[in-house]
Amino acid sequence: MPEVASGRMPITPEGYQRLQQELERLEKIERPQVARQIAQARAYGDLSENTEYQAAKERQAFVEARIRELEQQLLRAQIIAAEPGSGEQVRFGSSVTLQASDEGQTLVCQIVGPHEADPLAGRISTNSPVGQALLGRSLGEVVQVKTPSGTRRYTILEIG
């Protein structure tokens, strides 16, 4: 994996773009929508027992916290693009096709940083057991991964 500066967060260009899009959506759509909900709830009168107002204020706190979190992630982000020759060896950002030895099932995953990992979407963290087992490996290699349910074996079919 390329050198990541201290305090920086490795991220793929696509992951960075997803964070930017989420931040833009929160700032341009969610924040104004919550402000309107708060204004409407205030119009109902007594705020101490106004559940609409309380719910809108809670939503506002969530939206503002997420905006701050995304801004910090974007500031700390170090974009790492796919490296030349990445089809020869699994690296950060690689898309990898694997075959599970025990089931014959084929899986496709991308190796990403911990902040953009989403196993259900096929984005595997470099810090995960699977990510660590794959990094630096080559086409055709068999890797063993220790999981809570036992050791799994995968054959690397394709690296992109």
C-alpha atoms as a PDB file:
ATOM      1  CA  MET A   1       0.000   0.000   0.000  1.00  0.00           C
ATOM      2  CA  PRO A   2       1.341   3.475  -0.803  1.00  0.00           C
ATOM      3  CA  GLU A   3       2.689   5.580   2.046  1.00  0.00           C
ATOM      4  CA  VAL A   4      -0.056   7.408   3.929  1.00  0.00           C
ATOM      5  CA  ALA A   5       0.953  10.520   5.866  1.00  0.00           C
ATOM      6  CA  SER A   6       0.477  10.431   9.628  1.00  0.00           C
ATOM      7  CA  GLY A   7      -3.057  11.374  10.625  1.00  0.00           C
ATOM      8  CA  ARG A   8      -4.321  10.991   7.073  1.00  0.00           C
ATOM      9  CA  MET A   9      -7.074   8.616   5.963  1.00  0.00           C
ATOM     10  CA  PRO A  10      -6.432   6.494   2.832  1.00  0.00           C
ATOM     11  CA  ILE A  11      -9.387   6.608   0.464  1.00  0.00           C
ATOM     12  CA  THR A  12     -10.123   5.718  -3.150  1.00  0.00           C
ATOM     13  CA  PRO A  13     -11.189   8.479  -5.564  1.00  0.00           C
ATOM     14  CA  GLU A  14     -14.679   6.898  -5.625  1.00  0.00           C
ATOM     15  CA  GLY A  15     -14.846   6.850  -1.831  1.00  0.00           C
ATOM     16  CA  TYR A  16     -13.851  10.521  -1.680  1.00  0.00           C
ATOM     17  CA  GLN A  17     -16.545  11.367  -4.221  1.00  0.00           C
ATOM     18  CA  ARG A  18     -19.169   9.463  -2.170  1.00  0.00           C
ATOM     19  CA  LEU A  19     -18.234  11.491   0.929  1.00  0.00           C
ATOM     20  CA  GLN A  20     -18.457  14.754  -1.037  1.00  0.00           C
ATOM     21  CA  GLN A  21     -21.868  13.794  -2.432  1.00  0.00           C
ATOM     22  CA  GLU A  22     -23.200  12.891   1.016  1.00  0.00           C
ATOM     23  CA  LEU A  23     -21.920  16.187   2.448  1.00  0.00           C
ATOM     24  CA  GLU A  24     -23.528  18.141  -0.397  1.00  0.00           C
ATOM     25  CA  ARG A  25     -26.856  16.321   0.099  1.00  0.00           C
ATOM     26  CA  LEU A  26     -26.829  17.024   3.832  1.00  0.00           C
ATOM     27  CA  GLU A  27     -25.945  20.703   3.378  1.00  0.00           C
ATOM     28  CA  LYS A  28     -28.260  21.475   0.459  1.00  0.00           C
ATOM     29  CA  ILE A  29     -31.243  19.184   1.102  1.00  0.00           C
ATOM     30  CA  GLU A  30     -31.339  17.773   4.645  1.00  0.00           C
ATOM     31  CA  ARG A  31     -30.260  20.896   6.564  1.00  0.00           C
ATOM     32  CA  PRO A  32     -32.850  23.227   4.938  1.00  0.00           C
ATOM     33  CA  GLN A  33     -35.538  20.541   5.242  1.00  0.00           C
ATOM     34  CA  VAL A  34     -34.896  20.156   8.986  1.00  0.00           C
ATOM     35  CA  ALA A  35     -34.918  23.948   9.429  1.00  0.00           C
ATOM     36  CA  ARG A  36     -38.372  24.064   7.791  1.00  0.00           C
ATOM     37  CA  GLN A  37     -39.594  21.246  10.054  1.00  0.00           C
ATOM     38  CA  ILE A  38     -38.392  23.140  13.132  1.00  0.00           C
ATOM     39  CA  ALA A  39     -40.118  26.332  11.961  1.00  0.00           C
ATOM     40  CA  GLN A  40     -43.375  24.434  11.336  1.00  0.00           C
ATOM     41  CA  ALA A  41     -43.200  22.739  14.735  1.00  0.00           C
ATOM     42  CA  ARG A  42     -42.595  26.090  16.465  1.00  0.00           C
ATOM     43  CA  ALA A  43     -45.813  27.365  14.940  1.00  0.00           C
ATOM     44  CA  TYR A  44     -47.727  24.739  16.935  1.00  0.00           C
ATOM     45  CA  GLY A  45     -47.030  26.650  20.143  1.00  0.00           C
ATOM     46  CA  ASP A  46     -45.819  25.220  23.475  1.00  0.00           C
ATOM     47  CA  LEU A  47     -42.399  23.695  22.737  1.00  0.00           C
ATOM     48  CA  SER A  48     -42.110  21.782  26.022  1.00  0.00           C
ATOM     49  CA  GLU A  49     -44.616  19.128  24.926  1.00  0.00           C
ATOM     50  CA  ASN A  50     -44.221  19.502  21.179  1.00  0.00           C
ATOM     51  CA  THR A  51     -43.039  16.092  19.906  1.00  0.00           C
ATOM     52  CA  GLU A  52     -42.666  17.349  16.324  1.00  0.00           C
ATOM     53  CA  TYR A  53     -40.316  20.069  17.547  1.00  0.00           C
ATOM     54  CA  GLN A  54     -38.287  17.636  19.675  1.00  0.00           C
ATOM     55  CA  ALA A  55     -37.999  15.162  16.769  1.00  0.00           C
ATOM     56  CA  ALA A  56     -36.910  17.917  14.371  1.00  0.00           C
ATOM     57  CA  LYS A  57     -34.286  19.180  16.847  1.00  0.00           C
ATOM     58  CA  GLU A  58     -32.932  15.631  17.254  1.00  0.00           C
ATOM     59  CA  ARG A  59     -32.763  15.251  13.473  1.00  0.00           C
ATOM     60  CA  GLN A  60     -30.990  18.608  13.236  1.00  0.00           C
ATOM     61  CA  ALA A  61     -28.386  17.494  15.792  1.00  0.00           C
ATOM     62  CA  PHE A  62     -27.807  14.272  13.828  1.00  0.00           C
ATOM     63  CA  VAL A  63     -27.459  16.128  10.490  1.00  0.00           C
ATOM     64  CA  GLU A  64     -25.059  18.717  11.939  1.00  0.00           C
ATOM     65  CA  ALA A  65     -22.929  16.035  13.606  1.00  0.00           C
ATOM     66  CA  ARG A  66     -22.716  14.058  10.359  1.00  0.00           C
ATOM     67  CA  ILE A  67     -21.769  17.217   8.428  1.00  0.00           C
ATOM     68  CA  ARG A  68     -18.914  17.889  10.882  1.00  0.00           C
ATOM     69  CA  GLU A  69     -17.804  14.250  10.666  1.00  0.00           C
ATOM     70  CA  LEU A  70     -17.754  14.320   6.850  1.00  0.00           C
ATOM     71  CA  GLU A  71     -15.876  17.632   6.785  1.00  0.00           C
ATOM     72  CA  GLN A  72     -13.212  16.131   9.072  1.00  0.00           C
ATOM     73  CA  GLN A  73     -12.964  12.967   6.976  1.00  0.00           C
ATOM     74  CA  LEU A  74     -12.554  15.006   3.786  1.00  0.00           C
ATOM     75  CA  LEU A  75      -9.851  17.152   5.424  1.00  0.00           C
ATOM     76  CA  ARG A  76      -7.922  14.058   6.561  1.00  0.00           C
ATOM     77  CA  ALA A  77      -8.461  12.123   3.327  1.00  0.00           C
ATOM     78  CA  GLN A  78      -5.476  11.098   1.241  1.00  0.00           C
ATOM     79  CA  ILE A  79      -6.734   9.972  -2.145  1.00  0.00           C
ATOM     80  CA  ILE A  80      -4.918   6.904  -3.404  1.00  0.00           C
ATOM     81  CA  ALA A  81      -5.663   6.027  -7.017  1.00  0.00           C
ATOM     82  CA  ALA A  82      -5.145   2.565  -8.479  1.00  0.00           C
ATOM     83  CA  GLU A  83      -1.469   2.078  -9.217  1.00  0.00           C
ATOM     84  CA  PRO A  84      -0.030   1.166 -12.626  1.00  0.00           C
ATOM     85  CA  GLY A  85       0.396  -2.571 -12.989  1.00  0.00           C
ATOM     86  CA  SER A  86      -2.199  -3.167 -10.315  1.00  0.00           C
ATOM     87  CA  GLY A  87      -3.556  -6.131 -12.286  1.00  0.00           C
ATOM     88  CA  GLU A  88      -0.510  -8.157 -11.255  1.00  0.00           C
ATOM     89  CA  GLN A  89      -0.757  -7.781  -7.502  1.00  0.00           C
ATOM     90  CA  VAL A  90      -3.547  -6.932  -5.034  1.00  0.00           C
ATOM     91  CA  ARG A  91      -3.109  -3.350  -3.841  1.00  0.00           C
ATOM     92  CA  PHE A  92      -5.163  -0.608  -2.264  1.00  0.00           C
ATOM     93  CA  GLY A  93      -8.064   0.138  -4.617  1.00  0.00           C
ATOM     94  CA  SER A  94      -7.787  -3.186  -6.483  1.00  0.00           C
ATOM     95  CA  SER A  95     -10.935  -4.989  -7.516  1.00  0.00           C
ATOM     96  CA  VAL A  96     -10.413  -8.678  -6.796  1.00  0.00           C
ATOM     97  CA  THR A  97     -12.392 -11.709  -7.965  1.00  0.00           C
ATOM     98  CA  LEU A  98     -12.084 -14.623  -5.555  1.00  0.00           C
ATOM     99  CA  GLN A  99     -13.318 -18.179  -5.508  1.00  0.00           C
ATOM    100  CA  ALA A 100     -14.071 -19.733  -2.132  1.00  0.00           C
ATOM    101  CA  SER A 101     -12.352 -23.124  -2.113  1.00  0.00           C
ATOM    102  CA  ASP A 102     -14.885 -24.824   0.135  1.00  0.00           C
ATOM    103  CA  GLU A 103     -18.056 -23.641  -1.627  1.00  0.00           C
ATOM    104  CA  GLY A 104     -16.855 -22.763  -5.108  1.00  0.00           C
ATOM    105  CA  GLN A 105     -18.692 -19.451  -4.705  1.00  0.00           C
ATOM    106  CA  THR A 106     -17.235 -16.491  -6.639  1.00  0.00           C
ATOM    107  CA  LEU A 107     -16.917 -13.130  -4.877  1.00  0.00           C
ATOM    108  CA  VAL A 108     -15.870  -9.728  -6.178  1.00  0.00           C
ATOM    109  CA  CYS A 109     -14.539  -7.136  -3.764  1.00  0.00           C
ATOM    110  CA  GLN A 110     -12.559  -3.911  -3.764  1.00  0.00           C
ATOM    111  CA  ILE A 111      -9.764  -3.261  -1.264  1.00  0.00           C
ATOM    112  CA  VAL A 112     -10.418   0.099   0.426  1.00  0.00           C
ATOM    113  CA  GLY A 113      -9.570   2.072   3.560  1.00  0.00           C
ATOM    114  CA  PRO A 114     -11.395   1.435   6.830  1.00  0.00           C
ATOM    115  CA  HIS A 115     -13.570   4.557   6.513  1.00  0.00           C
ATOM    116  CA  GLU A 116     -15.132   3.477   3.227  1.00  0.00           C
ATOM    117  CA  ALA A 117     -15.434  -0.245   3.942  1.00  0.00           C
ATOM    118  CA  ASP A 118     -18.866  -1.774   3.356  1.00  0.00           C
ATOM    119  CA  PRO A 119     -18.700  -5.578   3.117  1.00  0.00           C
ATOM    120  CA  LEU A 120     -22.304  -5.842   1.890  1.00  0.00           C
ATOM    121  CA  ALA A 121     -21.367  -3.595  -1.054  1.00  0.00           C
ATOM    122  CA  GLY A 122     -18.148  -5.562  -1.703  1.00  0.00           C
ATOM    123  CA  ARG A 123     -15.782  -2.923  -0.256  1.00  0.00           C
ATOM    124  CA  ILE A 124     -13.315  -4.695   2.055  1.00  0.00           C
ATOM    125  CA  SER A 125     -11.076  -2.789   4.488  1.00  0.00           C
ATOM    126  CA  THR A 126      -7.314  -3.116   4.361  1.00  0.00           C
ATOM    127  CA  ASN A 127      -7.558  -3.699   8.130  1.00  0.00           C
ATOM    128  CA  SER A 128      -9.950  -6.655   7.841  1.00  0.00           C
ATOM    129  CA  PRO A 129      -8.665 -10.248   7.899  1.00  0.00           C
ATOM    130  CA  VAL A 130      -9.618 -10.678   4.217  1.00  0.00           C
ATOM    131  CA  GLY A 131      -8.026  -7.364   3.202  1.00  0.00           C
ATOM    132  CA  GLN A 132      -4.811  -8.151   5.059  1.00  0.00           C
ATOM    133  CA  ALA A 133      -4.642 -11.638   3.551  1.00  0.00           C
ATOM    134  CA  LEU A 134      -5.092 -10.294   0.004  1.00  0.00           C
ATOM    135  CA  LEU A 135      -2.743  -7.282   0.005  1.00  0.00           C
ATOM    136  CA  GLY A 136       0.415  -8.003  -1.966  1.00  0.00           C
ATOM    137  CA  ARG A 137      -0.853 -11.327  -3.332  1.00  0.00           C
ATOM    138  CA  SER A 138      -0.827 -12.288  -7.013  1.00  0.00           C
ATOM    139  CA  LEU A 139      -3.175 -13.825  -9.548  1.00  0.00           C
ATOM    140  CA  GLY A 140      -3.768 -17.536  -8.949  1.00  0.00           C
ATOM    141  CA  GLU A 141      -2.562 -17.506  -5.343  1.00  0.00           C
ATOM    142  CA  VAL A 142      -4.584 -19.209  -2.643  1.00  0.00           C
ATOM    143  CA  VAL A 143      -5.008 -17.202   0.552  1.00  0.00           C
ATOM    144  CA  GLN A 144      -6.178 -18.425   3.922  1.00  0.00           C
ATOM    145  CA  VAL A 145      -8.283 -16.149   6.097  1.00  0.00           C
ATOM    146  CA  LYS A 146      -9.045 -16.807   9.739  1.00  0.00           C
ATOM    147  CA  THR A 147     -12.646 -15.872  10.474  1.00  0.00           C
ATOM    148  CA  PRO A 148     -14.830 -16.371  13.549  1.00  0.00           C
ATOM    149  CA  SER A 149     -16.417 -19.353  11.785  1.00  0.00           C
ATOM    150  CA  GLY A 150     -13.063 -20.950  10.939  1.00  0.00           C
ATOM    151  CA  THR A 151     -10.340 -20.690   8.321  1.00  0.00           C
ATOM    152  CA  ARG A 152     -11.509 -19.920   4.774  1.00  0.00           C
ATOM    153  CA  ARG A 153      -9.478 -20.435   1.599  1.00  0.00           C
ATOM    154  CA  TYR A 154      -9.836 -18.219  -1.460  1.00  0.00           C
ATOM    155  CA  THR A 155      -8.209 -18.430  -4.883  1.00  0.00           C
ATOM    156  CA  ILE A 156      -7.484 -15.104  -6.604  1.00  0.00           C
ATOM    157  CA  LEU A 157      -9.074 -15.376 -10.064  1.00  0.00           C
ATOM    158  CA  GLU A 158      -8.752 -11.784 -11.274  1.00  0.00           C
ATOM    159  CA  ILE A 159      -7.170  -8.503 -10.169  1.00  0.00           C
ATOM    160  CA  GLY A 160      -8.320  -5.221 -11.668  1.00  0.00           C
END
